[in-house]
Every structure is written in C-alpha cells, then in structure tokens.
C-alpha cells in the first residue's frame, strides 16, 4: 500500500509587536494612541477569548485598518481578572461554589506588560522606532518597546483572525 505524508511547514506571520506598560483602562489607552498617532482604533465586535483551565478569559481588542498601506493594527489587553468557580462542598444535595477572581495573561512570558500593539504587515525599522518613541512620550504610558515575536512560546495566542 502506498502512503503519502504531508509536511506542513510553520507559516511565519509578518508582523511587529510592541509592548506597552500603562495602568489606564483599555479605552483610555486606545483614545490616547488615537490622539497622538493620528489613527482610529475602534473596539472590535468581539473580544479575544481564551479558555485558561477554570477561567474563561476575555481580552479587550481594538483594531484599526490602514487600507492605503495594507496594514492592520491591533491593541490587545494582556491581563484579565475574572472569576474561577471552585466547588466547595458537593456532599450535600446542593453544591456550593466559591467564586474568586484570578489573573490570567494572554502572553504569560510578559506578565508585566499591560497591552500589546500588533502591527500586521511589514513596517520599516525607522517608522517602527518612531512609533515606539511617540507612544512612549504619551502621558500616563510608562514605557513601550519592541518584542521579538519569534521568541514567544505563546505566539499562537496572537492569531487574531
């Protein structure tokens, strides 16, 4: 019997990733970036949702499409604090559940990062450095820097469409 083996190579996405440290709410960060970078982030119709064991995490997602450059920008919150259901007593007729919040991360390797800015399609290094500097100069944003997405263990969490 003749057998065929298909080899699937890992497809490398062409995007840049910026880490943003900021304690503001996501809508305020999106507003400030819109104001200082002259782009128009809008809340996506659906949040990014992941199942992390006992926690169903919903990460707020903002997007902006720049059709002239064939470029899409995503602003994603890295942290989610949500309820975890634990059964306390199941020995009786009615089970009691203890609901306590637990902090989960979209990219666990970068627990200190509050937001990620994913820029799909290629952007030259000079423009990326300029954008990083402009974001870092926004009041209330502590710092921002470029992340090498090829080194991430959880880079599949950044597949958004």
Protein backbone atom coordinates (compact mmCIF):
# COMPACT_ATOMS: atom_id res chain seq x y z
CA UNK A 1 0.00 0.00 0.00
CA UNK A 2 1.31 3.41 -0.96
CA UNK A 3 1.18 6.04 1.76
CA UNK A 4 1.58 9.77 1.42
CA UNK A 5 2.97 12.01 4.08
CA UNK A 6 2.17 15.70 4.07
CA UNK A 7 4.62 18.07 5.69
CA UNK A 8 3.21 21.33 6.94
CA UNK A 9 5.80 23.98 7.49
CA UNK A 10 5.14 26.54 10.16
CA UNK A 11 3.90 29.67 8.47
CA UNK A 12 5.64 32.78 9.73
CA UNK A 13 3.39 35.77 10.02
CA UNK A 14 4.82 39.11 9.09
CA UNK A 15 4.03 41.44 11.97
CA UNK A 16 5.65 43.63 14.58
CA UNK A 17 4.77 43.57 18.25
CA UNK A 18 5.08 46.42 20.73
CA UNK A 19 4.71 46.01 24.48
CA UNK A 20 3.05 48.86 26.37
CA UNK A 21 3.22 49.40 30.13
CA UNK A 22 0.31 51.54 31.32
CA UNK A 23 -2.15 51.33 34.20
CA UNK A 24 -5.03 53.04 32.38
CA UNK A 25 -8.18 51.29 31.16
CA UNK A 26 -8.07 49.98 27.60
CA UNK A 27 -10.47 52.57 26.15
CA UNK A 28 -8.30 55.39 27.53
CA UNK A 29 -5.14 53.86 26.08
CA UNK A 30 -6.86 53.48 22.70
CA UNK A 31 -8.01 57.11 22.87
CA UNK A 32 -4.54 58.40 23.74
CA UNK A 33 -2.89 56.40 20.96
CA UNK A 34 -5.54 57.64 18.51
CA UNK A 35 -4.90 61.21 19.57
CA UNK A 36 -1.08 61.11 19.44
CA UNK A 37 -0.58 58.83 16.41
CA UNK A 38 -3.49 60.10 14.29
CA UNK A 39 -5.03 56.66 13.87
CA UNK A 40 -8.54 55.46 14.71
CA UNK A 41 -8.71 52.45 16.98
CA UNK A 42 -12.24 51.14 17.34
CA UNK A 43 -13.47 48.41 19.67
CA UNK A 44 -13.72 45.12 17.79
CA UNK A 45 -17.11 43.43 17.59
CA UNK A 46 -15.81 40.51 19.65
CA UNK A 47 -13.20 40.33 22.36
CA UNK A 48 -10.39 37.83 22.18
CA UNK A 49 -11.49 34.86 24.27
CA UNK A 50 -9.39 32.02 25.66
CA UNK A 51 -10.09 29.17 27.99
CA UNK A 52 -7.32 29.00 30.60
CA UNK A 53 -8.34 25.93 32.58
CA UNK A 54 -11.01 27.12 35.01
CA UNK A 55 -11.11 30.67 33.66
CA UNK A 56 -12.86 31.85 30.50
CA UNK A 57 -10.79 34.97 29.75
CA UNK A 58 -11.98 37.84 27.56
CA UNK A 59 -9.23 40.20 26.42
CA UNK A 60 -10.50 43.54 25.04
CA UNK A 61 -9.49 44.06 21.42
CA UNK A 62 -9.26 47.29 19.42
CA UNK A 63 -8.43 47.45 15.74
CA UNK A 64 -7.58 49.92 13.01
CA UNK A 65 -7.18 49.10 9.32
CA UNK A 66 -4.99 51.29 7.18
CA UNK A 67 -6.07 50.30 3.64
CA UNK A 68 -3.59 52.53 1.82
CA UNK A 69 -0.66 50.68 3.43
CA UNK A 70 -2.39 47.26 3.63
CA UNK A 71 -1.70 47.36 7.34
CA UNK A 72 -3.83 46.40 10.35
CA UNK A 73 -3.18 47.50 13.92
CA UNK A 74 -4.47 45.61 16.97
CA UNK A 75 -4.43 46.85 20.56
CA UNK A 76 -4.86 43.92 22.93
CA UNK A 77 -5.01 43.91 26.70
CA UNK A 78 -2.62 41.32 28.15
CA UNK A 79 -4.30 40.84 31.54
CA UNK A 80 -7.71 39.51 32.50
CA UNK A 81 -9.03 39.23 36.02
CA UNK A 82 -12.06 37.01 36.10
CA UNK A 83 -13.99 34.59 38.27
CA UNK A 84 -12.92 31.00 38.89
CA UNK A 85 -15.56 28.58 40.03
CA UNK A 86 -14.50 26.04 42.62
CA UNK A 87 -16.81 23.52 44.21
CA UNK A 88 -16.53 23.86 47.99
CA UNK A 89 -18.97 21.19 49.13
CA UNK A 90 -20.51 18.53 46.95
CA UNK A 91 -21.52 16.17 49.76
CA UNK A 92 -24.96 17.71 50.15
CA UNK A 93 -27.98 17.98 47.91
CA UNK A 94 -26.90 21.42 46.73
CA UNK A 95 -23.31 22.12 45.79
CA UNK A 96 -21.75 25.35 46.94
CA UNK A 97 -19.38 27.22 44.68
CA UNK A 98 -16.67 29.59 45.76
CA UNK A 99 -16.12 32.23 43.09
CA UNK A 100 -12.83 34.10 43.38
CA UNK A 101 -11.09 36.26 40.78
CA UNK A 102 -7.91 35.01 39.14
CA UNK A 103 -5.47 36.94 36.98
CA UNK A 104 -4.62 35.37 33.60
CA UNK A 105 -2.37 36.57 30.80
CA UNK A 106 -2.65 36.44 27.03
CA UNK A 107 1.15 36.22 26.75
CA UNK A 108 2.35 34.70 30.05
CA UNK A 109 6.02 35.31 29.25
CA UNK A 110 5.39 39.05 29.58
CA UNK A 111 3.37 39.28 32.80
CA UNK A 112 4.40 42.89 33.42
CA UNK A 113 3.09 44.12 30.05
CA UNK A 114 -0.36 45.66 30.17
CA UNK A 115 -1.06 45.96 26.42
CA UNK A 116 0.32 44.67 23.14
CA UNK A 117 0.19 46.59 19.88
CA UNK A 118 0.32 44.15 16.98
CA UNK A 119 1.04 45.66 13.57
CA UNK A 120 0.34 43.27 10.71
CA UNK A 121 2.31 43.63 7.50
CA UNK A 122 5.83 44.87 7.19
CA UNK A 123 6.89 48.21 8.59
CA UNK A 124 10.39 49.61 8.17
CA UNK A 125 12.58 49.81 11.27
CA UNK A 126 12.78 53.62 11.23
CA UNK A 127 8.99 54.06 11.23
CA UNK A 128 8.61 51.41 13.94
CA UNK A 129 11.18 53.17 16.17
CA UNK A 130 9.41 56.49 15.56
CA UNK A 131 6.07 54.97 16.54
CA UNK A 132 7.60 53.44 19.67
CA UNK A 133 9.03 56.82 20.69
CA UNK A 134 5.74 58.61 20.08
CA UNK A 135 3.81 56.08 22.17
CA UNK A 136 6.40 56.29 24.97
CA UNK A 137 6.00 60.08 25.04
CA UNK A 138 2.25 59.86 25.75
CA UNK A 139 1.42 60.92 29.32
CA UNK A 140 0.45 58.01 31.61
CA UNK A 141 2.28 55.45 29.46
CA UNK A 142 5.26 54.26 31.46
CA UNK A 143 7.23 52.64 28.65
CA UNK A 144 6.95 50.82 25.35
CA UNK A 145 9.37 48.60 23.46
CA UNK A 146 9.58 46.16 20.56
CA UNK A 147 9.08 42.46 21.34
CA UNK A 148 10.63 39.73 19.18
CA UNK A 149 7.55 37.63 18.46
CA UNK A 150 9.67 34.76 17.11
CA UNK A 151 10.96 34.11 20.65
CA UNK A 152 7.47 33.85 22.20
CA UNK A 153 6.29 30.45 23.41
CA UNK A 154 2.66 31.55 23.25
CA UNK A 155 2.75 33.37 19.90
CA UNK A 156 -0.28 31.35 18.73
CA UNK A 157 -2.35 33.46 21.14
CA UNK A 158 -1.70 36.40 18.82
CA UNK A 159 -3.51 34.84 15.84
CA UNK A 160 -6.47 37.20 15.75
CA UNK A 161 -8.40 36.43 12.56
